[in-house]
Amino acid sequence: MLLSGGVSTALAAITVISAKHHDDTTTLLVAAGWWAVAVVAGLVLGRPERAAGAVRGVLARARTAPTLPSDNPGRAALARLWPLGAFALVAGVLGLFLPGVAAIGTGFGLAGALAWRSREGAVHAIEERDGVRFYVEPGSALEPISLIRTPGLRRDPEPRGAPPPPPARA
């Protein structure tokens, strides 16, 4: 989500710089409208109840493992996120010559970042409730995501309405 937001910021900067260089105010006006539509679409698609529904199947299909995965998390992230980098590179380079390309890419990045904003919270809620941890299984970005479920540290939530514990005395 943060990477998509960063890509959107970079593409928006390229759009503005390129449009200014080409004296293209029409592209900036259309881009502003497209970005507003993309933000609204991302906010609608990223509602918490939609996020919970979207991750429900992936969490249910998670493979259980008794130990933590041994693979490097950086390698797993790179294997999953390289299309975003390729998208940013292509849209950014084309946006230098055609500002509309970077403007369109910015809108898609904004919508994607906002649509994904609640998914981590949905997974975290399940982890806290069930006392497990989920890890992304290494694989191709062109395949559906699969998760590994490992035992976590279960903690007892404080009962509702319970007074806070007294402060420790020195």
N, C-alpha and C. Protein backbone atom coordinates (compact mmCIF):
# COMPACT_ATOMS: atom_id res chain seq x y z
N MET A 1 0.83 -1.18 0.00
CA MET A 1 0.00 0.00 0.00
C MET A 1 0.88 1.25 0.00
N LEU A 2 1.86 1.29 0.89
CA LEU A 2 2.73 2.46 0.95
C LEU A 2 3.57 2.61 -0.33
N LEU A 3 3.99 1.50 -0.87
CA LEU A 3 4.77 1.55 -2.10
C LEU A 3 3.92 2.08 -3.26
N SER A 4 2.67 1.66 -3.32
CA SER A 4 1.77 2.16 -4.35
C SER A 4 1.52 3.66 -4.17
N GLY A 5 1.39 4.10 -2.94
CA GLY A 5 1.23 5.53 -2.68
C GLY A 5 2.48 6.31 -3.08
N GLY A 6 3.64 5.73 -2.83
CA GLY A 6 4.89 6.39 -3.23
C GLY A 6 5.04 6.47 -4.74
N VAL A 7 4.65 5.40 -5.43
CA VAL A 7 4.66 5.40 -6.90
C VAL A 7 3.73 6.48 -7.42
N SER A 8 2.55 6.60 -6.80
CA SER A 8 1.59 7.63 -7.22
C SER A 8 2.15 9.02 -7.04
N THR A 9 2.84 9.24 -5.94
CA THR A 9 3.43 10.55 -5.69
C THR A 9 4.49 10.88 -6.74
N ALA A 10 5.34 9.91 -7.04
CA ALA A 10 6.38 10.13 -8.06
C ALA A 10 5.76 10.38 -9.43
N LEU A 11 4.74 9.60 -9.79
CA LEU A 11 4.10 9.80 -11.09
C LEU A 11 3.36 11.13 -11.16
N ALA A 12 2.77 11.56 -10.04
CA ALA A 12 2.11 12.87 -10.02
C ALA A 12 3.14 13.98 -10.24
N ALA A 13 4.29 13.85 -9.62
CA ALA A 13 5.35 14.85 -9.81
C ALA A 13 5.81 14.87 -11.27
N ILE A 14 5.97 13.69 -11.86
CA ILE A 14 6.37 13.63 -13.27
C ILE A 14 5.29 14.26 -14.15
N THR A 15 4.02 14.01 -13.82
CA THR A 15 2.92 14.60 -14.59
C THR A 15 3.00 16.12 -14.56
N VAL A 16 3.14 16.67 -13.38
CA VAL A 16 3.16 18.14 -13.24
C VAL A 16 4.38 18.74 -13.94
N ILE A 17 5.54 18.15 -13.74
CA ILE A 17 6.76 18.67 -14.36
C ILE A 17 6.68 18.58 -15.88
N SER A 18 6.23 17.43 -16.37
CA SER A 18 6.15 17.24 -17.83
C SER A 18 5.09 18.14 -18.45
N ALA A 19 3.94 18.27 -17.80
CA ALA A 19 2.89 19.14 -18.33
C ALA A 19 3.34 20.59 -18.33
N LYS A 20 4.05 21.00 -17.31
CA LYS A 20 4.57 22.37 -17.25
C LYS A 20 5.58 22.59 -18.38
N HIS A 21 6.43 21.60 -18.60
CA HIS A 21 7.43 21.70 -19.66
C HIS A 21 6.78 21.80 -21.04
N HIS A 22 5.66 21.08 -21.24
CA HIS A 22 4.96 21.09 -22.52
C HIS A 22 3.85 22.13 -22.60
N ASP A 23 3.71 22.98 -21.58
CA ASP A 23 2.62 23.97 -21.50
C ASP A 23 1.26 23.32 -21.75
N ASP A 24 0.99 22.25 -21.02
CA ASP A 24 -0.21 21.45 -21.23
C ASP A 24 -1.11 21.52 -19.99
N THR A 25 -1.89 22.61 -19.89
CA THR A 25 -2.77 22.76 -18.73
C THR A 25 -4.00 21.84 -18.82
N THR A 26 -4.38 21.47 -20.03
CA THR A 26 -5.53 20.57 -20.19
C THR A 26 -5.27 19.23 -19.53
N THR A 27 -4.07 18.71 -19.70
CA THR A 27 -3.72 17.43 -19.07
C THR A 27 -3.80 17.55 -17.55
N LEU A 28 -3.36 18.66 -17.00
CA LEU A 28 -3.41 18.83 -15.55
C LEU A 28 -4.84 18.91 -15.04
N LEU A 29 -5.72 19.57 -15.80
CA LEU A 29 -7.13 19.65 -15.38
C LEU A 29 -7.81 18.29 -15.46
N VAL A 30 -7.57 17.57 -16.54
CA VAL A 30 -8.15 16.22 -16.67
C VAL A 30 -7.56 15.30 -15.61
N ALA A 31 -6.25 15.42 -15.36
CA ALA A 31 -5.60 14.59 -14.34
C ALA A 31 -6.20 14.84 -12.97
N ALA A 32 -6.46 16.08 -12.62
CA ALA A 32 -7.05 16.40 -11.32
C ALA A 32 -8.41 15.73 -11.17
N GLY A 33 -9.21 15.76 -12.23
CA GLY A 33 -10.51 15.08 -12.19
C GLY A 33 -10.36 13.57 -12.06
N TRP A 34 -9.44 12.99 -12.83
CA TRP A 34 -9.20 11.55 -12.78
C TRP A 34 -8.69 11.13 -11.40
N TRP A 35 -7.81 11.94 -10.82
CA TRP A 35 -7.29 11.61 -9.50
C TRP A 35 -8.40 11.65 -8.45
N ALA A 36 -9.31 12.61 -8.57
CA ALA A 36 -10.44 12.68 -7.63
C ALA A 36 -11.33 11.44 -7.75
N VAL A 37 -11.61 11.02 -8.99
CA VAL A 37 -12.41 9.81 -9.21
C VAL A 37 -11.67 8.59 -8.64
N ALA A 38 -10.37 8.51 -8.86
CA ALA A 38 -9.58 7.38 -8.37
C ALA A 38 -9.57 7.33 -6.84
N VAL A 39 -9.48 8.48 -6.19
CA VAL A 39 -9.50 8.52 -4.72
C VAL A 39 -10.84 8.02 -4.20
N VAL A 40 -11.93 8.48 -4.79
CA VAL A 40 -13.25 8.04 -4.35
C VAL A 40 -13.41 6.53 -4.57
N ALA A 41 -12.98 6.04 -5.74
CA ALA A 41 -13.07 4.60 -6.02
C ALA A 41 -12.24 3.81 -5.03
N GLY A 42 -11.03 4.27 -4.73
CA GLY A 42 -10.18 3.57 -3.77
C GLY A 42 -10.78 3.56 -2.38
N LEU A 43 -11.38 4.66 -1.96
CA LEU A 43 -12.01 4.72 -0.64
C LEU A 43 -13.20 3.76 -0.56
N VAL A 44 -13.98 3.67 -1.63
CA VAL A 44 -15.12 2.76 -1.65
C VAL A 44 -14.64 1.30 -1.65
N LEU A 45 -13.66 1.00 -2.49
CA LEU A 45 -13.15 -0.37 -2.57
C LEU A 45 -12.36 -0.78 -1.34
N GLY A 46 -11.84 0.16 -0.57
CA GLY A 46 -11.02 -0.15 0.59
C GLY A 46 -11.75 -0.10 1.91
N ARG A 47 -13.08 -0.09 1.88
CA ARG A 47 -13.83 -0.10 3.14
C ARG A 47 -13.47 -1.34 3.95
N PRO A 48 -13.42 -1.23 5.28
CA PRO A 48 -13.01 -2.37 6.12
C PRO A 48 -13.83 -3.64 5.90
N GLU A 49 -15.13 -3.52 5.69
CA GLU A 49 -15.94 -4.73 5.49
C GLU A 49 -15.60 -5.42 4.16
N ARG A 50 -15.26 -4.64 3.15
CA ARG A 50 -14.81 -5.23 1.87
C ARG A 50 -13.45 -5.89 2.03
N ALA A 51 -12.58 -5.27 2.83
CA ALA A 51 -11.25 -5.83 3.06
C ALA A 51 -11.35 -7.17 3.78
N ALA A 52 -12.21 -7.24 4.78
CA ALA A 52 -12.39 -8.49 5.52
C ALA A 52 -12.90 -9.59 4.59
N GLY A 53 -13.84 -9.25 3.73
CA GLY A 53 -14.36 -10.23 2.78
C GLY A 53 -13.32 -10.66 1.77
N ALA A 54 -12.46 -9.73 1.37
CA ALA A 54 -11.45 -10.04 0.35
C ALA A 54 -10.37 -10.97 0.88
N VAL A 55 -10.01 -10.86 2.15
CA VAL A 55 -8.95 -11.70 2.70
C VAL A 55 -9.48 -12.98 3.34
N ARG A 56 -10.79 -13.11 3.47
CA ARG A 56 -11.38 -14.27 4.13
C ARG A 56 -10.95 -15.58 3.46
N GLY A 57 -11.07 -15.66 2.16
CA GLY A 57 -10.71 -16.89 1.45
C GLY A 57 -9.22 -17.20 1.52
N VAL A 58 -8.40 -16.17 1.40
CA VAL A 58 -6.94 -16.38 1.46
C VAL A 58 -6.54 -16.88 2.84
N LEU A 59 -7.13 -16.31 3.89
CA LEU A 59 -6.82 -16.75 5.25
C LEU A 59 -7.32 -18.17 5.50
N ALA A 60 -8.48 -18.51 4.96
CA ALA A 60 -9.02 -19.86 5.14
C ALA A 60 -8.16 -20.91 4.44
N ARG A 61 -7.55 -20.55 3.32
CA ARG A 61 -6.71 -21.51 2.58
C ARG A 61 -5.26 -21.54 3.06
N ALA A 62 -4.93 -20.79 4.09
CA ALA A 62 -3.54 -20.71 4.56
C ALA A 62 -3.06 -22.08 5.02
N ARG A 63 -1.86 -22.43 4.60
CA ARG A 63 -1.23 -23.70 4.98
C ARG A 63 -0.65 -23.53 6.38
N THR A 64 -0.89 -24.51 7.25
CA THR A 64 -0.38 -24.45 8.61
C THR A 64 1.02 -25.05 8.67
N ALA A 65 1.92 -24.34 9.33
CA ALA A 65 3.30 -24.81 9.52
C ALA A 65 3.66 -24.65 10.99
N PRO A 66 4.38 -25.61 11.57
CA PRO A 66 4.71 -25.51 12.99
C PRO A 66 5.84 -24.53 13.30
N THR A 67 6.60 -24.12 12.28
CA THR A 67 7.72 -23.20 12.49
C THR A 67 7.62 -22.01 11.54
N LEU A 68 8.43 -21.01 11.82
CA LEU A 68 8.46 -19.83 10.96
C LEU A 68 9.05 -20.20 9.60
N PRO A 69 8.59 -19.54 8.54
CA PRO A 69 9.18 -19.81 7.22
C PRO A 69 10.65 -19.38 7.20
N SER A 70 11.46 -20.13 6.47
CA SER A 70 12.89 -19.84 6.45
C SER A 70 13.30 -18.90 5.32
N ASP A 71 12.40 -18.61 4.42
CA ASP A 71 12.75 -17.78 3.28
C ASP A 71 12.96 -16.33 3.70
N ASN A 72 13.76 -15.63 2.94
CA ASN A 72 14.06 -14.23 3.17
C ASN A 72 12.82 -13.38 2.84
N PRO A 73 12.30 -12.57 3.80
CA PRO A 73 11.11 -11.77 3.51
C PRO A 73 11.33 -10.74 2.40
N GLY A 74 12.56 -10.23 2.28
CA GLY A 74 12.85 -9.28 1.21
C GLY A 74 12.70 -9.91 -0.16
N ARG A 75 13.15 -11.15 -0.28
CA ARG A 75 13.03 -11.86 -1.56
C ARG A 75 11.56 -12.14 -1.89
N ALA A 76 10.78 -12.51 -0.87
CA ALA A 76 9.35 -12.76 -1.08
C ALA A 76 8.64 -11.48 -1.51
N ALA A 77 8.99 -10.35 -0.88
CA ALA A 77 8.37 -9.07 -1.24
C ALA A 77 8.75 -8.67 -2.66
N LEU A 78 10.02 -8.84 -3.01
CA LEU A 78 10.46 -8.49 -4.36
C LEU A 78 9.76 -9.35 -5.41
N ALA A 79 9.58 -10.63 -5.12
CA ALA A 79 8.92 -11.52 -6.06
C ALA A 79 7.46 -11.12 -6.28
N ARG A 80 6.83 -10.54 -5.25
CA ARG A 80 5.43 -10.13 -5.36
C ARG A 80 5.25 -8.71 -5.90
N LEU A 81 6.23 -7.84 -5.68
CA LEU A 81 6.04 -6.42 -5.98
C LEU A 81 6.74 -5.93 -7.24
N TRP A 82 7.45 -6.80 -7.95
CA TRP A 82 8.16 -6.33 -9.13
C TRP A 82 7.22 -5.74 -10.18
N PRO A 83 5.95 -6.22 -10.34
CA PRO A 83 5.09 -5.57 -11.34
C PRO A 83 4.82 -4.10 -11.03
N LEU A 84 4.75 -3.76 -9.75
CA LEU A 84 4.53 -2.35 -9.37
C LEU A 84 5.73 -1.51 -9.78
N GLY A 85 6.93 -2.03 -9.58
CA GLY A 85 8.13 -1.32 -10.01
C GLY A 85 8.20 -1.16 -11.51
N ALA A 86 7.84 -2.21 -12.24
CA ALA A 86 7.85 -2.14 -13.70
C ALA A 86 6.81 -1.13 -14.19
N PHE A 87 5.63 -1.13 -13.57
CA PHE A 87 4.58 -0.17 -13.90
C PHE A 87 5.07 1.26 -13.68
N ALA A 88 5.72 1.49 -12.53
CA ALA A 88 6.21 2.84 -12.21
C ALA A 88 7.28 3.28 -13.20
N LEU A 89 8.17 2.38 -13.56
CA LEU A 89 9.24 2.71 -14.49
C LEU A 89 8.70 3.04 -15.88
N VAL A 90 7.82 2.20 -16.39
CA VAL A 90 7.25 2.43 -17.73
C VAL A 90 6.42 3.70 -17.76
N ALA A 91 5.51 3.86 -16.78
CA ALA A 91 4.66 5.06 -16.75
C ALA A 91 5.49 6.32 -16.52
N GLY A 92 6.53 6.23 -15.70
CA GLY A 92 7.37 7.39 -15.44
C GLY A 92 8.17 7.82 -16.66
N VAL A 93 8.75 6.85 -17.36
CA VAL A 93 9.53 7.19 -18.57
C VAL A 93 8.62 7.74 -19.66
N LEU A 94 7.49 7.07 -19.90
CA LEU A 94 6.56 7.57 -20.92
C LEU A 94 5.98 8.92 -20.51
N GLY A 95 5.79 9.12 -19.19
CA GLY A 95 5.23 10.37 -18.69
C GLY A 95 6.13 11.57 -18.93
N LEU A 96 7.42 11.33 -19.09
CA LEU A 96 8.32 12.44 -19.40
C LEU A 96 8.00 13.05 -20.76
N PHE A 97 7.53 12.23 -21.68
CA PHE A 97 7.21 12.70 -23.03
C PHE A 97 5.72 12.91 -23.24
N LEU A 98 4.91 12.09 -22.57
CA LEU A 98 3.45 12.17 -22.66
C LEU A 98 2.90 12.29 -21.23
N PRO A 99 2.66 13.49 -20.74
CA PRO A 99 2.25 13.66 -19.34
C PRO A 99 0.97 12.92 -18.98
N GLY A 100 0.12 12.67 -19.96
CA GLY A 100 -1.13 11.95 -19.68
C GLY A 100 -0.91 10.53 -19.21
N VAL A 101 0.17 9.90 -19.67
CA VAL A 101 0.45 8.52 -19.25
C VAL A 101 0.76 8.48 -17.75
N ALA A 102 1.61 9.39 -17.29
CA ALA A 102 1.92 9.45 -15.87
C ALA A 102 0.69 9.84 -15.05
N ALA A 103 -0.16 10.69 -15.61
CA ALA A 103 -1.38 11.09 -14.90
C ALA A 103 -2.32 9.91 -14.71
N ILE A 104 -2.48 9.10 -15.75
CA ILE A 104 -3.33 7.91 -15.65
C ILE A 104 -2.73 6.93 -14.65
N GLY A 105 -1.42 6.72 -14.70
CA GLY A 105 -0.76 5.84 -13.75
C GLY A 105 -0.92 6.31 -12.32
N THR A 106 -0.88 7.62 -12.11
CA THR A 106 -1.07 8.17 -10.77
C THR A 106 -2.44 7.78 -10.23
N GLY A 107 -3.46 7.91 -11.05
CA GLY A 107 -4.82 7.56 -10.61
C GLY A 107 -4.94 6.09 -10.23
N PHE A 108 -4.36 5.21 -11.04
CA PHE A 108 -4.42 3.79 -10.72
C PHE A 108 -3.64 3.49 -9.44
N GLY A 109 -2.51 4.14 -9.24
CA GLY A 109 -1.74 3.94 -8.01
C GLY A 109 -2.50 4.43 -6.78
N LEU A 110 -3.16 5.58 -6.90
CA LEU A 110 -3.96 6.10 -5.79
C LEU A 110 -5.10 5.15 -5.44
N ALA A 111 -5.83 4.70 -6.47
CA ALA A 111 -6.95 3.79 -6.23
C ALA A 111 -6.46 2.49 -5.60
N GLY A 112 -5.34 1.97 -6.09
CA GLY A 112 -4.81 0.73 -5.53
C GLY A 112 -4.38 0.88 -4.08
N ALA A 113 -3.67 1.96 -3.78
CA ALA A 113 -3.22 2.17 -2.40
C ALA A 113 -4.40 2.31 -1.45
N LEU A 114 -5.41 3.05 -1.84
CA LEU A 114 -6.56 3.24 -0.96
C LEU A 114 -7.41 1.99 -0.86
N ALA A 115 -7.47 1.20 -1.93
CA ALA A 115 -8.24 -0.04 -1.89
C ALA A 115 -7.59 -1.07 -0.98
N TRP A 116 -6.27 -1.04 -0.84
CA TRP A 116 -5.56 -2.03 -0.03
C TRP A 116 -5.35 -1.57 1.41
N ARG A 117 -5.77 -0.37 1.77
CA ARG A 117 -5.41 0.20 3.06
C ARG A 117 -5.95 -0.56 4.25
N SER A 118 -7.05 -1.26 4.16
CA SER A 118 -7.65 -1.93 5.31
C SER A 118 -7.32 -3.41 5.40
N ARG A 119 -6.64 -3.96 4.42
CA ARG A 119 -6.41 -5.40 4.43
C ARG A 119 -5.45 -5.84 5.53
N GLU A 120 -4.44 -5.04 5.79
CA GLU A 120 -3.51 -5.41 6.86
C GLU A 120 -4.25 -5.45 8.20
N GLY A 121 -5.13 -4.50 8.41
CA GLY A 121 -5.90 -4.48 9.65
C GLY A 121 -6.80 -5.69 9.80
N ALA A 122 -7.37 -6.15 8.69
CA ALA A 122 -8.23 -7.33 8.74
C ALA A 122 -7.41 -8.57 9.12
N VAL A 123 -6.23 -8.71 8.54
CA VAL A 123 -5.37 -9.85 8.87
C VAL A 123 -4.90 -9.74 10.32
N HIS A 124 -4.53 -8.55 10.74
CA HIS A 124 -4.05 -8.34 12.12
C HIS A 124 -5.14 -8.70 13.13
N ALA A 125 -6.38 -8.37 12.84
CA ALA A 125 -7.48 -8.70 13.75
C ALA A 125 -7.62 -10.21 13.92
N ILE A 126 -7.48 -10.96 12.83
CA ILE A 126 -7.55 -12.42 12.90
C ILE A 126 -6.36 -12.97 13.69
N GLU A 127 -5.18 -12.40 13.46
CA GLU A 127 -4.00 -12.85 14.20
C GLU A 127 -4.18 -12.65 15.70
N GLU A 128 -4.69 -11.50 16.08
CA GLU A 128 -4.91 -11.22 17.50
C GLU A 128 -5.98 -12.13 18.09
N ARG A 129 -7.05 -12.34 17.34
CA ARG A 129 -8.15 -13.16 17.85
C ARG A 129 -7.74 -14.62 18.02
N ASP A 130 -7.04 -15.17 17.01
CA ASP A 130 -6.73 -16.60 17.01
C ASP A 130 -5.35 -16.94 17.58
N GLY A 131 -4.53 -15.94 17.83
CA GLY A 131 -3.20 -16.20 18.36
C GLY A 131 -2.28 -16.88 17.36
N VAL A 132 -2.38 -16.51 16.10
CA VAL A 132 -1.53 -17.07 15.05
C VAL A 132 -0.87 -15.92 14.31
N ARG A 133 0.07 -16.26 13.44
CA ARG A 133 0.72 -15.28 12.57
C ARG A 133 0.64 -15.80 11.15
N PHE A 134 0.45 -14.89 10.22
CA PHE A 134 0.40 -15.24 8.80
C PHE A 134 1.61 -14.65 8.09
N TYR A 135 2.20 -15.44 7.20
CA TYR A 135 3.32 -15.01 6.39
C TYR A 135 2.99 -15.30 4.94
N VAL A 136 3.45 -14.42 4.05
CA VAL A 136 3.23 -14.63 2.62
C VAL A 136 4.17 -15.73 2.15
N GLU A 137 3.59 -16.71 1.48
CA GLU A 137 4.38 -17.81 0.94
C GLU A 137 5.08 -17.31 -0.33
N PRO A 138 6.38 -17.57 -0.46
CA PRO A 138 7.08 -17.12 -1.67
C PRO A 138 6.45 -17.70 -2.92
N GLY A 139 6.33 -16.88 -3.93
CA GLY A 139 5.75 -17.33 -5.19
C GLY A 139 5.75 -16.20 -6.19
N SER A 140 5.20 -16.48 -7.34
CA SER A 140 5.18 -15.52 -8.42
C SER A 140 4.11 -14.46 -8.19
N ALA A 141 4.38 -13.27 -8.67
CA ALA A 141 3.40 -12.19 -8.58
C ALA A 141 2.22 -12.44 -9.52
N LEU A 142 2.39 -13.36 -10.44
CA LEU A 142 1.33 -13.64 -11.41
C LEU A 142 0.38 -14.73 -10.92
N GLU A 143 0.63 -15.27 -9.74
CA GLU A 143 -0.24 -16.28 -9.13
C GLU A 143 -0.97 -15.66 -7.94
N PRO A 144 -2.11 -16.24 -7.57
CA PRO A 144 -2.79 -15.72 -6.37
C PRO A 144 -1.90 -15.88 -5.15
N ILE A 145 -2.08 -14.98 -4.21
CA ILE A 145 -1.27 -15.00 -2.99
C ILE A 145 -1.68 -16.20 -2.14
N SER A 146 -0.70 -16.81 -1.49
CA SER A 146 -0.99 -17.87 -0.53
C SER A 146 -0.22 -17.57 0.75
N LEU A 147 -0.81 -17.97 1.86
CA LEU A 147 -0.25 -17.64 3.17
C LEU A 147 0.15 -18.90 3.93
N ILE A 148 1.05 -18.70 4.88
CA ILE A 148 1.46 -19.74 5.81
C ILE A 148 1.01 -19.29 7.20
N ARG A 149 0.31 -20.17 7.90
CA ARG A 149 -0.16 -19.87 9.26
C ARG A 149 0.78 -20.55 10.24
N THR A 150 1.32 -19.78 11.19
CA THR A 150 2.20 -20.34 12.20
C THR A 150 1.65 -20.00 13.58
N PRO A 151 2.04 -20.78 14.58
CA PRO A 151 1.59 -20.44 15.93
C PRO A 151 2.14 -19.08 16.36
N GLY A 152 1.34 -18.35 17.05
CA GLY A 152 1.77 -17.04 17.56
C GLY A 152 1.64 -17.01 19.06
N LEU A 153 1.84 -15.88 19.64
CA LEU A 153 1.69 -15.74 21.08
C LEU A 153 0.29 -15.21 21.36
N ARG A 154 -0.53 -16.04 21.91
CA ARG A 154 -1.90 -15.63 22.22
C ARG A 154 -1.88 -14.76 23.46
N ARG A 155 -2.61 -13.69 23.42
CA ARG A 155 -2.70 -12.85 24.60
C ARG A 155 -4.16 -12.66 24.93
N ASP A 156 -4.43 -12.60 26.21
CA ASP A 156 -5.81 -12.43 26.65
C ASP A 156 -6.17 -10.96 26.59
N PRO A 157 -7.23 -10.65 25.87
CA PRO A 157 -7.65 -9.24 25.85
C PRO A 157 -8.23 -8.84 27.20
N GLU A 158 -8.07 -7.56 27.52
CA GLU A 158 -8.65 -7.08 28.77
C GLU A 158 -10.16 -7.02 28.63
N PRO A 159 -10.88 -7.44 29.67
CA PRO A 159 -12.34 -7.39 29.58
C PRO A 159 -12.83 -5.96 29.42
N ARG A 160 -13.92 -5.81 28.72
CA ARG A 160 -14.48 -4.48 28.52
C ARG A 160 -14.96 -3.90 29.83
N GLY A 161 -14.67 -2.63 30.01
CA GLY A 161 -15.12 -1.94 31.21
C GLY A 161 -14.24 -2.20 32.43
N ALA A 162 -13.20 -3.00 32.27
CA ALA A 162 -12.31 -3.27 33.41
C ALA A 162 -11.45 -2.04 33.67
N PRO A 163 -11.23 -1.76 34.93
CA PRO A 163 -10.37 -0.60 35.23
C PRO A 163 -8.93 -0.90 34.83
N PRO A 164 -8.18 0.14 34.47
CA PRO A 164 -6.78 -0.11 34.11
C PRO A 164 -5.99 -0.57 35.32
N PRO A 165 -4.93 -1.35 35.08
CA PRO A 165 -4.14 -1.82 36.23
C PRO A 165 -3.48 -0.62 36.94
N PRO A 166 -3.27 -0.78 38.25
CA PRO A 166 -2.65 0.34 38.99
C PRO A 166 -1.23 0.55 38.52
N PRO A 167 -0.75 1.80 38.58
CA PRO A 167 0.63 2.07 38.16
C PRO A 167 1.62 1.40 39.11
N ALA A 168 2.74 0.99 38.56
CA ALA A 168 3.79 0.36 39.38
C ALA A 168 4.47 1.43 40.23
N ARG A 169 4.78 1.07 41.48
CA ARG A 169 5.44 2.02 42.39
C ARG A 169 6.92 1.74 42.39
N ALA A 170 7.68 2.80 42.43
CA ALA A 170 9.15 2.66 42.43
C ALA A 170 9.70 2.53 43.81
